PDB file of N, CA and C in Angstrom:
ATOM      1  N   MET A   1     280.172  -6.475-162.469  1.00  0.00           N
ATOM      2  CA  MET A   1     280.401  -5.414-161.507  1.00  0.00           C
ATOM      3  C   MET A   1     281.487  -5.841-160.529  1.00  0.00           C
ATOM      4  N   ILE A   2     282.323  -4.919-160.187  1.00  0.00           N
ATOM      5  CA  ILE A   2     283.368  -5.150-159.190  1.00  0.00           C
ATOM      6  C   ILE A   2     283.133  -4.168-158.055  1.00  0.00           C
ATOM      7  N   HIS A   3     283.084  -4.665-156.849  1.00  0.00           N
ATOM      8  CA  HIS A   3     282.820  -3.837-155.683  1.00  0.00           C
ATOM      9  C   HIS A   3     284.133  -3.270-155.160  1.00  0.00           C
ATOM     10  N   LEU A   4     284.293  -1.950-155.282  1.00  0.00           N
ATOM     11  CA  LEU A   4     285.459  -1.266-154.733  1.00  0.00           C
ATOM     12  C   LEU A   4     285.013  -0.538-153.474  1.00  0.00           C
ATOM     13  N   ARG A   5     285.808  -0.643-152.419  1.00  0.00           N
ATOM     14  CA  ARG A   5     285.468   0.059-151.180  1.00  0.00           C
ATOM     15  C   ARG A   5     286.724   0.281-150.356  1.00  0.00           C
ATOM     16  N   ILE A   6     286.614   1.209-149.414  1.00  0.00           N
ATOM     17  CA  ILE A   6     287.699   1.527-148.506  1.00  0.00           C
ATOM     18  C   ILE A   6     287.332   0.969-147.140  1.00  0.00           C
ATOM     19  N   GLY A   7     288.269   0.340-146.461  1.00  0.00           N
ATOM     20  CA  GLY A   7     288.022  -0.177-145.121  1.00  0.00           C
ATOM     21  C   GLY A   7     287.605  -1.633-145.124  1.00  0.00           C
ATOM     22  N   ASN A   8     287.432  -2.177-143.935  1.00  0.00           N
ATOM     23  CA  ASN A   8     287.140  -3.604-143.800  1.00  0.00           C
ATOM     24  C   ASN A   8     285.702  -3.925-143.430  1.00  0.00           C
ATOM     25  N   HIS A   9     284.891  -2.925-143.163  1.00  0.00           N
ATOM     26  CA  HIS A   9     283.523  -3.177-142.720  1.00  0.00           C
ATOM     27  C   HIS A   9     282.542  -2.885-143.845  1.00  0.00           C
ATOM     28  N   PRO A  10     281.763  -3.906-144.278  1.00  0.00           N
ATOM     29  CA  PRO A  10     280.790  -3.676-145.345  1.00  0.00           C
ATOM     30  C   PRO A  10     279.698  -2.713-144.893  1.00  0.00           C
ATOM     31  N   GLU A  11     279.222  -1.920-145.829  1.00  0.00           N
ATOM     32  CA  GLU A  11     278.168  -0.956-145.520  1.00  0.00           C
ATOM     33  C   GLU A  11     276.823  -1.654-145.322  1.00  0.00           C
ATOM     34  N   TRP A  12     276.601  -2.756-146.030  1.00  0.00           N
ATOM     35  CA  TRP A  12     275.338  -3.487-145.931  1.00  0.00           C
ATOM     36  C   TRP A  12     275.625  -4.892-145.438  1.00  0.00           C
ATOM     37  N   LEU A  13     274.843  -5.376-144.492  1.00  0.00           N
ATOM     38  CA  LEU A  13     275.020  -6.734-143.977  1.00  0.00           C
ATOM     39  C   LEU A  13     274.723  -7.784-145.041  1.00  0.00           C
ATOM     40  N   SER A  14     273.832  -7.469-145.959  1.00  0.00           N
ATOM     41  CA  SER A  14     273.459  -8.443-146.995  1.00  0.00           C
ATOM     42  C   SER A  14     274.495  -8.557-148.107  1.00  0.00           C
ATOM     43  N   PHE A  15     275.474  -7.665-148.154  1.00  0.00           N
ATOM     44  CA  PHE A  15     276.458  -7.679-149.222  1.00  0.00           C
ATOM     45  C   PHE A  15     277.605  -8.605-148.849  1.00  0.00           C
ATOM     46  N   SER A  16     277.672  -9.748-149.528  1.00  0.00           N
ATOM     47  CA  SER A  16     278.668 -10.744-149.148  1.00  0.00           C
ATOM     48  C   SER A  16     279.794 -10.910-150.172  1.00  0.00           C
ATOM     49  N   GLU A  17     279.712 -10.192-151.303  1.00  0.00           N
ATOM     50  CA  GLU A  17     280.772 -10.319-152.307  1.00  0.00           C
ATOM     51  C   GLU A  17     282.086  -9.772-151.769  1.00  0.00           C
ATOM     52  N   PRO A  18     283.197 -10.352-152.178  1.00  0.00           N
ATOM     53  CA  PRO A  18     284.491  -9.782-151.773  1.00  0.00           C
ATOM     54  C   PRO A  18     284.662  -8.397-152.390  1.00  0.00           C
ATOM     55  N   HIS A  19     285.490  -7.585-151.811  1.00  0.00           N
ATOM     56  CA  HIS A  19     285.728  -6.252-152.339  1.00  0.00           C
ATOM     57  C   HIS A  19     287.228  -6.001-152.497  1.00  0.00           C
ATOM     58  N   GLN A  20     287.539  -4.970-153.225  1.00  0.00           N
ATOM     59  CA  GLN A  20     288.915  -4.564-153.445  1.00  0.00           C
ATOM     60  C   GLN A  20     289.022  -3.083-153.128  1.00  0.00           C
ATOM     61  N   SER A  21     290.206  -2.625-152.764  1.00  0.00           N
ATOM     62  CA  SER A  21     290.404  -1.205-152.502  1.00  0.00           C
ATOM     63  C   SER A  21     290.854  -0.450-153.751  1.00  0.00           C
ATOM     64  N   GLU A  22     291.195  -1.168-154.804  1.00  0.00           N
ATOM     65  CA  GLU A  22     291.506  -0.554-156.090  1.00  0.00           C
ATOM     66  C   GLU A  22     291.299  -1.601-157.175  1.00  0.00           C
ATOM     67  N   LEU A  23     291.158  -1.140-158.386  1.00  0.00           N
ATOM     68  CA  LEU A  23     291.007  -2.030-159.524  1.00  0.00           C
ATOM     69  C   LEU A  23     292.119  -1.731-160.505  1.00  0.00           C
ATOM     70  N   LYS A  24     292.908  -2.748-160.823  1.00  0.00           N
ATOM     71  CA  LYS A  24     294.001  -2.595-161.784  1.00  0.00           C
ATOM     72  C   LYS A  24     293.772  -3.620-162.893  1.00  0.00           C
ATOM     73  N   ILE A  25     293.683  -3.134-164.118  1.00  0.00           N
ATOM     74  CA  ILE A  25     293.471  -4.004-165.270  1.00  0.00           C
ATOM     75  C   ILE A  25     294.597  -3.771-166.261  1.00  0.00           C
ATOM     76  N   ASP A  26     295.349  -4.810-166.544  1.00  0.00           N
ATOM     77  CA  ASP A  26     296.369  -4.770-167.588  1.00  0.00           C
ATOM     78  C   ASP A  26     295.766  -5.357-168.853  1.00  0.00           C
ATOM     79  N   PHE A  27     295.989  -4.711-169.983  1.00  0.00           N
ATOM     80  CA  PHE A  27     295.452  -5.205-171.243  1.00  0.00           C
ATOM     81  C   PHE A  27     296.395  -4.832-172.379  1.00  0.00           C
ATOM     82  N   ASP A  28     296.316  -5.598-173.443  1.00  0.00           N
ATOM     83  CA  ASP A  28     297.125  -5.331-174.633  1.00  0.00           C
ATOM     84  C   ASP A  28     296.298  -4.558-175.646  1.00  0.00           C
ATOM     85  N   TYR A  29     296.980  -3.705-176.381  1.00  0.00           N
ATOM     86  CA  TYR A  29     296.340  -2.903-177.403  1.00  0.00           C
ATOM     87  C   TYR A  29     297.208  -2.961-178.646  1.00  0.00           C
ATOM     88  N   THR A  30     296.579  -3.049-179.814  1.00  0.00           N
ATOM     89  CA  THR A  30     297.362  -3.249-181.036  1.00  0.00           C
ATOM     90  C   THR A  30     297.316  -2.095-182.018  1.00  0.00           C
ATOM     91  N   GLN A  31     296.374  -1.169-181.855  1.00  0.00           N
ATOM     92  CA  GLN A  31     296.273  -0.084-182.826  1.00  0.00           C
ATOM     93  C   GLN A  31     295.862   1.197-182.106  1.00  0.00           C
ATOM     94  N   ASN A  32     296.531   2.288-182.399  1.00  0.00           N
ATOM     95  CA  ASN A  32     296.224   3.550-181.733  1.00  0.00           C
ATOM     96  C   ASN A  32     296.286   4.683-182.746  1.00  0.00           C
ATOM     97  N   THR A  33     295.219   4.822-183.509  1.00  0.00           N
ATOM     98  CA  THR A  33     295.237   5.834-184.568  1.00  0.00           C
ATOM     99  C   THR A  33     294.232   6.954-184.356  1.00  0.00           C
ATOM    100  N   SER A  34     293.336   6.805-183.397  1.00  0.00           N
ATOM    101  CA  SER A  34     292.323   7.842-183.210  1.00  0.00           C
ATOM    102  C   SER A  34     291.884   7.916-181.752  1.00  0.00           C
ATOM    103  N   GLU A  35     291.146   8.954-181.443  1.00  0.00           N
ATOM    104  CA  GLU A  35     290.595   9.132-180.105  1.00  0.00           C
ATOM    105  C   GLU A  35     289.625   7.994-179.782  1.00  0.00           C
ATOM    106  N   LYS A  36     289.642   7.539-178.541  1.00  0.00           N
ATOM    107  CA  LYS A  36     288.762   6.469-178.073  1.00  0.00           C
ATOM    108  C   LYS A  36     287.969   6.972-176.878  1.00  0.00           C
ATOM    109  N   THR A  37     287.003   6.173-176.410  1.00  0.00           N
ATOM    110  CA  THR A  37     286.210   6.509-175.234  1.00  0.00           C
ATOM    111  C   THR A  37     286.204   5.329-174.282  1.00  0.00           C
ATOM    112  N   LEU A  38     286.444   5.610-172.991  1.00  0.00           N
ATOM    113  CA  LEU A  38     286.337   4.609-171.936  1.00  0.00           C
ATOM    114  C   LEU A  38     284.980   4.809-171.279  1.00  0.00           C
ATOM    115  N   CYS A  39     284.200   3.740-171.195  1.00  0.00           N
ATOM    116  CA  CYS A  39     282.852   3.774-170.626  1.00  0.00           C
ATOM    117  C   CYS A  39     282.849   2.933-169.352  1.00  0.00           C
ATOM    118  N   LEU A  40     282.434   3.518-168.231  1.00  0.00           N
ATOM    119  CA  LEU A  40     282.369   2.808-166.954  1.00  0.00           C
ATOM    120  C   LEU A  40     280.975   2.955-166.361  1.00  0.00           C
ATOM    121  N   LYS A  41     280.460   1.880-165.781  1.00  0.00           N
ATOM    122  CA  LYS A  41     279.199   1.940-165.045  1.00  0.00           C
ATOM    123  C   LYS A  41     279.536   2.058-163.568  1.00  0.00           C
ATOM    124  N   GLN A  42     278.842   2.934-162.882  1.00  0.00           N
ATOM    125  CA  GLN A  42     279.109   3.145-161.468  1.00  0.00           C
ATOM    126  C   GLN A  42     277.789   3.217-160.705  1.00  0.00           C
ATOM    127  N   GLU A  43     277.866   2.908-159.421  1.00  0.00           N
ATOM    128  CA  GLU A  43     276.695   2.990-158.557  1.00  0.00           C
ATOM    129  C   GLU A  43     277.152   3.148-157.115  1.00  0.00           C
ATOM    130  N   ASP A  44     276.473   3.971-156.359  1.00  0.00           N
ATOM    131  CA  ASP A  44     276.722   4.180-154.933  1.00  0.00           C
ATOM    132  C   ASP A  44     278.154   4.652-154.662  1.00  0.00           C
ATOM    133  N   VAL A  45     278.597   5.636-155.416  1.00  0.00           N
ATOM    134  CA  VAL A  45     279.950   6.181-155.254  1.00  0.00           C
ATOM    135  C   VAL A  45     279.894   7.306-154.222  1.00  0.00           C
ATOM    136  N   LYS A  46     280.586   7.095-153.094  1.00  0.00           N
ATOM    137  CA  LYS A  46     280.567   8.066-151.997  1.00  0.00           C
ATOM    138  C   LYS A  46     281.945   8.645-151.701  1.00  0.00           C
ATOM    139  N   GLN A  47     282.975   8.100-152.302  1.00  0.00           N
ATOM    140  CA  GLN A  47     284.347   8.566-152.082  1.00  0.00           C
ATOM    141  C   GLN A  47     284.902   9.128-153.385  1.00  0.00           C
ATOM    142  N   ASN A  48     286.099   9.665-153.317  1.00  0.00           N
ATOM    143  CA  ASN A  48     286.783  10.238-154.465  1.00  0.00           C
ATOM    144  C   ASN A  48     287.582   9.144-155.174  1.00  0.00           C
ATOM    145  N   TRP A  49     287.012   8.514-156.205  1.00  0.00           N
ATOM    146  CA  TRP A  49     287.665   7.427-156.945  1.00  0.00           C
ATOM    147  C   TRP A  49     288.248   7.987-158.235  1.00  0.00           C
ATOM    148  N   LEU A  50     289.560   7.859-158.374  1.00  0.00           N
ATOM    149  CA  LEU A  50     290.278   8.412-159.519  1.00  0.00           C
ATOM    150  C   LEU A  50     290.494   7.357-160.596  1.00  0.00           C
ATOM    151  N   ILE A  51     290.558   7.824-161.831  1.00  0.00           N
ATOM    152  CA  ILE A  51     290.768   6.948-162.987  1.00  0.00           C
ATOM    153  C   ILE A  51     292.096   7.343-163.615  1.00  0.00           C
ATOM    154  N   ARG A  52     292.963   6.351-163.818  1.00  0.00           N
ATOM    155  CA  ARG A  52     294.289   6.597-164.387  1.00  0.00           C
ATOM    156  C   ARG A  52     294.571   5.534-165.450  1.00  0.00           C
ATOM    157  N   LEU A  53     295.117   5.965-166.568  1.00  0.00           N
ATOM    158  CA  LEU A  53     295.489   5.045-167.637  1.00  0.00           C
ATOM    159  C   LEU A  53     296.940   5.300-168.000  1.00  0.00           C
ATOM    160  N   ASN A  54     297.754   4.263-167.872  1.00  0.00           N
ATOM    161  CA  ASN A  54     299.181   4.348-168.189  1.00  0.00           C
ATOM    162  C   ASN A  54     299.858   5.510-167.466  1.00  0.00           C
ATOM    163  N   GLY A  55     299.502   5.690-166.206  1.00  0.00           N
ATOM    164  CA  GLY A  55     300.125   6.717-165.394  1.00  0.00           C
ATOM    165  C   GLY A  55     299.606   8.127-165.618  1.00  0.00           C
ATOM    166  N   LYS A  56     298.602   8.298-166.490  1.00  0.00           N
ATOM    167  CA  LYS A  56     298.033   9.623-166.760  1.00  0.00           C
ATOM    168  C   LYS A  56     296.614   9.686-166.205  1.00  0.00           C
ATOM    169  N   ASP A  57     296.312  10.752-165.483  1.00  0.00           N
ATOM    170  CA  ASP A  57     294.980  10.919-164.911  1.00  0.00           C
ATOM    171  C   ASP A  57     293.954  11.198-166.004  1.00  0.00           C
ATOM    172  N   LEU A  58     292.817  10.457-165.940  1.00  0.00           N
ATOM    173  CA  LEU A  58     291.714  10.690-166.873  1.00  0.00           C
ATOM    174  C   LEU A  58     290.603  11.505-166.233  1.00  0.00           C
ATOM    175  N   GLY A  59     290.467  11.400-164.923  1.00  0.00           N
ATOM    176  CA  GLY A  59     289.379  12.074-164.222  1.00  0.00           C
ATOM    177  C   GLY A  59     288.984  11.249-163.015  1.00  0.00           C
ATOM    178  N   LYS A  60     287.732  11.374-162.597  1.00  0.00           N
ATOM    179  CA  LYS A  60     287.257  10.611-161.444  1.00  0.00           C
ATOM    180  C   LYS A  60     285.808  10.225-161.644  1.00  0.00           C
ATOM    181  N   LEU A  61     285.387   9.223-160.861  1.00  0.00           N
ATOM    182  CA  LEU A  61     283.985   8.844-160.881  1.00  0.00           C
ATOM    183  C   LEU A  61     283.172   9.973-160.257  1.00  0.00           C
ATOM    184  N   ILE A  62     281.910  10.062-160.614  1.00  0.00           N
ATOM    185  CA  ILE A  62     281.027  11.090-160.075  1.00  0.00           C
ATOM    186  C   ILE A  62     280.536  10.636-158.707  1.00  0.00           C
ATOM    187  N   THR A  63     280.692  11.500-157.708  1.00  0.00           N
ATOM    188  CA  THR A  63     280.234  11.169-156.362  1.00  0.00           C
ATOM    189  C   THR A  63     278.713  11.259-156.352  1.00  0.00           C
ATOM    190  N   ASP A  64     278.069  10.094-156.445  1.00  0.00           N
ATOM    191  CA  ASP A  64     276.615  10.017-156.547  1.00  0.00           C
ATOM    192  C   ASP A  64     276.193   8.582-156.257  1.00  0.00           C
ATOM    193  N   GLU A  65     275.111   8.402-155.520  1.00  0.00           N
ATOM    194  CA  GLU A  65     274.649   7.052-155.184  1.00  0.00           C
ATOM    195  C   GLU A  65     273.829   6.414-156.297  1.00  0.00           C
ATOM    196  N   ASN A  66     273.377   7.193-157.263  1.00  0.00           N
ATOM    197  CA  ASN A  66     272.572   6.650-158.354  1.00  0.00           C
ATOM    198  C   ASN A  66     273.425   5.847-159.330  1.00  0.00           C
ATOM    199  N   ALA A  67     272.809   4.869-159.958  1.00  0.00           N
ATOM    200  CA  ALA A  67     273.484   4.108-161.009  1.00  0.00           C
ATOM    201  C   ALA A  67     273.589   4.995-162.249  1.00  0.00           C
ATOM    202  N   MET A  68     274.768   5.013-162.860  1.00  0.00           N
ATOM    203  CA  MET A  68     274.961   5.810-164.067  1.00  0.00           C
ATOM    204  C   MET A  68     276.145   5.276-164.862  1.00  0.00           C
ATOM    205  N   THR A  69     276.238   5.732-166.079  1.00  0.00           N
ATOM    206  CA  THR A  69     277.366   5.416-166.938  1.00  0.00           C
ATOM    207  C   THR A  69     278.160   6.698-167.137  1.00  0.00           C
ATOM    208  N   VAL A  70     279.471   6.598-166.976  1.00  0.00           N
ATOM    209  CA  VAL A  70     280.346   7.757-167.168  1.00  0.00           C
ATOM    210  C   VAL A  70     281.324   7.460-168.296  1.00  0.00           C
ATOM    211  N   TYR A  71     281.736   8.511-168.995  1.00  0.00           N
ATOM    212  CA  TYR A  71     282.600   8.371-170.157  1.00  0.00           C
ATOM    213  C   TYR A  71     283.846   9.229-169.988  1.00  0.00           C
ATOM    214  N   PHE A  72     284.969   8.693-170.446  1.00  0.00           N
ATOM    215  CA  PHE A  72     286.236   9.408-170.409  1.00  0.00           C
ATOM    216  C   PHE A  72     286.850   9.364-171.801  1.00  0.00           C
ATOM    217  N   VAL A  73     287.220  10.523-172.319  1.00  0.00           N
ATOM    218  CA  VAL A  73     287.861  10.600-173.641  1.00  0.00           C
ATOM    219  C   VAL A  73     289.307  10.155-173.508  1.00  0.00           C
ATOM    220  N   LEU A  74     289.737   9.272-174.405  1.00  0.00           N
ATOM    221  CA  LEU A  74     291.120   8.802-174.447  1.00  0.00           C
ATOM    222  C   LEU A  74     291.790   9.417-175.671  1.00  0.00           C
ATOM    223  N   PRO A  75     292.685  10.378-175.463  1.00  0.00           N
ATOM    224  CA  PRO A  75     293.381  10.952-176.609  1.00  0.00           C
ATOM    225  C   PRO A  75     294.204   9.888-177.327  1.00  0.00           C
ATOM    226  N   PRO A  76     294.503  10.083-178.610  1.00  0.00           N
ATOM    227  CA  PRO A  76     295.223   9.064-179.381  1.00  0.00           C
ATOM    228  C   PRO A  76     296.564   8.648-178.783  1.00  0.00           C
ATOM    229  N   ASP A  77     297.221   9.517-178.039  1.00  0.00           N
ATOM    230  CA  ASP A  77     298.565   9.196-177.539  1.00  0.00           C
ATOM    231  C   ASP A  77     298.565   8.502-176.172  1.00  0.00           C
ATOM    232  N   ILE A  78     297.419   8.273-175.550  1.00  0.00           N
ATOM    233  CA  ILE A  78     297.413   7.693-174.203  1.00  0.00           C
ATOM    234  C   ILE A  78     297.509   6.160-174.231  1.00  0.00           C
ATOM    235  N   LEU A  79     296.937   5.522-175.232  1.00  0.00           N
ATOM    236  CA  LEU A  79     297.055   4.068-175.362  1.00  0.00           C
ATOM    237  C   LEU A  79     298.365   3.729-176.058  1.00  0.00           C
ATOM    238  N   LYS A  80     299.036   2.719-175.541  1.00  0.00           N
ATOM    239  CA  LYS A  80     300.314   2.295-176.109  1.00  0.00           C
ATOM    240  C   LYS A  80     300.119   0.979-176.860  1.00  0.00           C
ATOM    241  N   ILE A  81     300.899   0.787-177.897  1.00  0.00           N
ATOM    242  CA  ILE A  81     300.923  -0.501-178.566  1.00  0.00           C
ATOM    243  C   ILE A  81     301.556  -1.480-177.583  1.00  0.00           C
ATOM    244  N   GLY A  82     300.868  -2.562-177.255  1.00  0.00           N
ATOM    245  CA  GLY A  82     301.345  -3.522-176.267  1.00  0.00           C
ATOM    246  C   GLY A  82     300.590  -3.380-174.963  1.00  0.00           C
ATOM    247  N   LYS A  83     301.314  -3.504-173.845  1.00  0.00           N
ATOM    248  CA  LYS A  83     300.686  -3.512-172.522  1.00  0.00           C
ATOM    249  C   LYS A  83     300.249  -2.118-172.077  1.00  0.00           C
ATOM    250  N   ASN A  84     299.020  -2.044-171.548  1.00  0.00           N
ATOM    251  CA  ASN A  84     298.448  -0.832-170.984  1.00  0.00           C
ATOM    252  C   ASN A  84     297.882  -1.173-169.615  1.00  0.00           C
ATOM    253  N   THR A  85     297.778  -0.168-168.735  1.00  0.00           N
ATOM    254  CA  THR A  85     297.261  -0.403-167.389  1.00  0.00           C
ATOM    255  C   THR A  85     296.220   0.648-167.036  1.00  0.00           C
ATOM    256  N   LEU A  86     295.024   0.168-166.698  1.00  0.00           N
ATOM    257  CA  LEU A  86     293.949   1.011-166.199  1.00  0.00           C
ATOM    258  C   LEU A  86     293.891   0.832-164.688  1.00  0.00           C
ATOM    259  N   LEU A  87     293.821   1.936-163.947  1.00  0.00           N
ATOM    260  CA  LEU A  87     293.780   1.893-162.493  1.00  0.00           C
ATOM    261  C   LEU A  87     292.647   2.779-162.001  1.00  0.00           C
ATOM    262  N   ILE A  88     291.805   2.222-161.128  1.00  0.00           N
ATOM    263  CA  ILE A  88     290.755   2.979-160.443  1.00  0.00           C
ATOM    264  C   ILE A  88     291.050   2.836-158.960  1.00  0.00           C
ATOM    265  N   TYR A  89     291.213   3.972-158.271  1.00  0.00           N
ATOM    266  CA  TYR A  89     291.623   3.918-156.870  1.00  0.00           C
ATOM    267  C   TYR A  89     291.055   5.101-156.102  1.00  0.00           C
ATOM    268  N   ALA A  90     290.963   4.927-154.793  1.00  0.00           N
ATOM    269  CA  ALA A  90     290.501   6.005-153.924  1.00  0.00           C
ATOM    270  C   ALA A  90     291.642   6.985-153.733  1.00  0.00           C
ATOM    271  N   GLY A  91     291.467   8.204-154.162  1.00  0.00           N
ATOM    272  CA  GLY A  91     292.515   9.213-154.201  1.00  0.00           C
ATOM    273  C   GLY A  91     293.408   9.302-152.992  1.00  0.00           C
ATOM    274  N   ARG A  92     292.903   9.623-151.843  1.00  0.00           N
ATOM    275  CA  ARG A  92     293.753   9.862-150.691  1.00  0.00           C
ATOM    276  C   ARG A  92     294.227   8.600-150.008  1.00  0.00           C
ATOM    277  N   TYR A  93     293.692   7.438-150.381  1.00  0.00           N
ATOM    278  CA  TYR A  93     294.067   6.189-149.731  1.00  0.00           C
ATOM    279  C   TYR A  93     295.063   5.370-150.527  1.00  0.00           C
ATOM    280  N   HIS A  94     295.357   5.760-151.737  1.00  0.00           N
ATOM    281  CA  HIS A  94     296.213   4.969-152.630  1.00  0.00           C
ATOM    282  C   HIS A  94     297.687   5.213-152.309  1.00  0.00           C
ATOM    283  N   ARG A  95     298.435   4.135-152.205  1.00  0.00           N
ATOM    284  CA  ARG A  95     299.890   4.240-152.028  1.00  0.00           C
ATOM    285  C   ARG A  95     300.561   4.075-153.370  1.00  0.00           C
ATOM    286  N   ARG A  96     301.369   5.024-153.770  1.00  0.00           N
ATOM    287  CA  ARG A  96     302.028   4.943-155.089  1.00  0.00           C
ATOM    288  C   ARG A  96     303.425   4.426-154.944  1.00  0.00           C
TER     289      ARG A  96
END
Protein backbone atom coordinates (compact mmCIF):
# COMPACT_ATOMS: atom_id res chain seq x y z
CA MET A 1 0.00 0.00 0.00
CA ILE A 2 1.15 3.51 -0.78
CA HIS A 3 -0.32 6.38 1.19
CA LEU A 4 -1.32 9.26 -1.09
CA ARG A 5 -2.55 12.47 0.52
CA ILE A 6 -2.81 16.20 -0.01
CA GLY A 7 -1.22 18.61 2.47
CA ASN A 8 1.33 18.25 5.23
CA HIS A 9 -0.80 17.30 8.22
CA PRO A 10 -1.63 13.61 8.75
CA GLU A 11 -5.27 12.82 9.39
CA TRP A 12 -4.41 10.29 12.11
CA LEU A 13 -1.75 10.78 14.79
CA SER A 14 -0.95 7.06 14.74
CA PHE A 15 -0.14 7.09 11.01
CA SER A 16 3.61 7.49 10.73
CA GLU A 17 4.31 6.20 7.20
CA PRO A 18 5.62 8.76 4.72
CA HIS A 19 3.13 9.94 2.13
CA GLN A 20 3.21 11.22 -1.42
CA SER A 21 0.96 13.70 -3.21
CA GLU A 22 0.99 11.60 -6.39
CA LEU A 23 2.10 8.18 -7.52
CA LYS A 24 4.08 7.81 -10.74
CA ILE A 25 5.12 4.35 -11.91
CA ASP A 26 7.23 3.83 -15.01
CA PHE A 27 7.24 0.30 -16.40
CA ASP A 28 8.22 -1.55 -19.55
CA TYR A 29 5.76 -3.51 -21.62
CA THR A 30 6.62 -5.97 -24.38
CA GLN A 31 3.36 -7.11 -25.94
CA ASN A 32 0.13 -5.26 -26.69
CA THR A 33 -2.30 -7.42 -28.60
CA SER A 34 -5.48 -7.33 -26.55
CA GLU A 35 -7.50 -5.41 -24.00
CA LYS A 36 -6.09 -5.50 -20.45
CA THR A 37 -7.40 -4.58 -16.99
CA LEU A 38 -5.74 -2.40 -14.35
CA CYS A 39 -6.71 -3.45 -10.81
CA LEU A 40 -6.16 -1.03 -7.88
CA LYS A 41 -6.96 -1.44 -4.19
CA GLN A 42 -8.12 1.71 -2.46
CA GLU A 43 -9.20 2.70 1.03
CA ASP A 44 -10.30 5.94 2.72
CA VAL A 45 -10.49 7.96 -0.51
CA LYS A 46 -11.91 11.42 0.28
CA GLN A 47 -10.52 13.50 -2.60
CA ASN A 48 -10.77 13.36 -6.39
CA TRP A 49 -7.84 11.07 -7.38
CA LEU A 50 -7.40 10.68 -11.13
CA ILE A 51 -5.82 7.76 -12.98
CA ARG A 52 -3.79 8.42 -16.13
CA LEU A 53 -1.79 6.03 -18.30
CA ASN A 54 0.61 7.37 -20.93
CA GLY A 55 -1.07 10.76 -20.84
CA LYS A 56 -4.60 9.36 -21.35
CA ASP A 57 -7.23 9.57 -18.63
CA LEU A 58 -8.57 6.19 -17.44
CA GLY A 59 -10.95 7.45 -14.78
CA LYS A 60 -10.74 8.13 -11.05
CA LEU A 61 -10.78 6.35 -7.74
CA ILE A 62 -14.19 6.04 -6.09
CA THR A 63 -14.71 8.61 -3.34
CA ASP A 64 -15.44 6.21 -0.48
CA GLU A 65 -13.81 5.43 2.88
CA ASN A 66 -14.40 1.68 2.58
CA ALA A 67 -11.68 -0.66 1.35
CA MET A 68 -12.41 -1.85 -2.18
CA THR A 69 -10.85 -2.97 -5.42
CA VAL A 70 -11.47 -0.92 -8.56
CA TYR A 71 -10.86 -1.93 -12.16
CA PHE A 72 -10.02 0.09 -15.25
CA VAL A 73 -10.22 -1.30 -18.79
CA LEU A 74 -7.06 -0.70 -20.83
CA PRO A 75 -7.82 -0.63 -24.55
CA PRO A 76 -5.23 -2.39 -26.75
CA ASP A 77 -3.77 0.91 -28.03
CA ILE A 78 -3.07 2.54 -24.63
CA LEU A 79 -0.04 0.42 -23.64
CA LYS A 80 3.10 1.07 -25.66
CA ILE A 81 5.88 -1.34 -26.46
CA GLY A 82 8.69 -0.11 -24.18
CA LYS A 83 8.30 2.54 -21.47
CA ASN A 84 4.84 3.31 -20.05
CA THR A 85 3.83 5.67 -17.24
CA LEU A 86 0.98 5.25 -14.78
CA LEU A 87 0.05 8.37 -12.78
CA ILE A 88 -2.39 8.69 -9.88
CA TYR A 89 -2.86 12.27 -8.70
CA ALA A 90 -5.28 14.60 -6.98
CA GLY A 91 -7.12 16.34 -9.81
CA ARG A 92 -7.16 19.99 -8.82
CA TYR A 93 -3.81 19.91 -7.01
CA HIS A 94 -1.65 18.40 -9.77
CA ARG A 95 0.75 20.64 -11.68
CA ARG A 96 1.22 19.53 -15.28
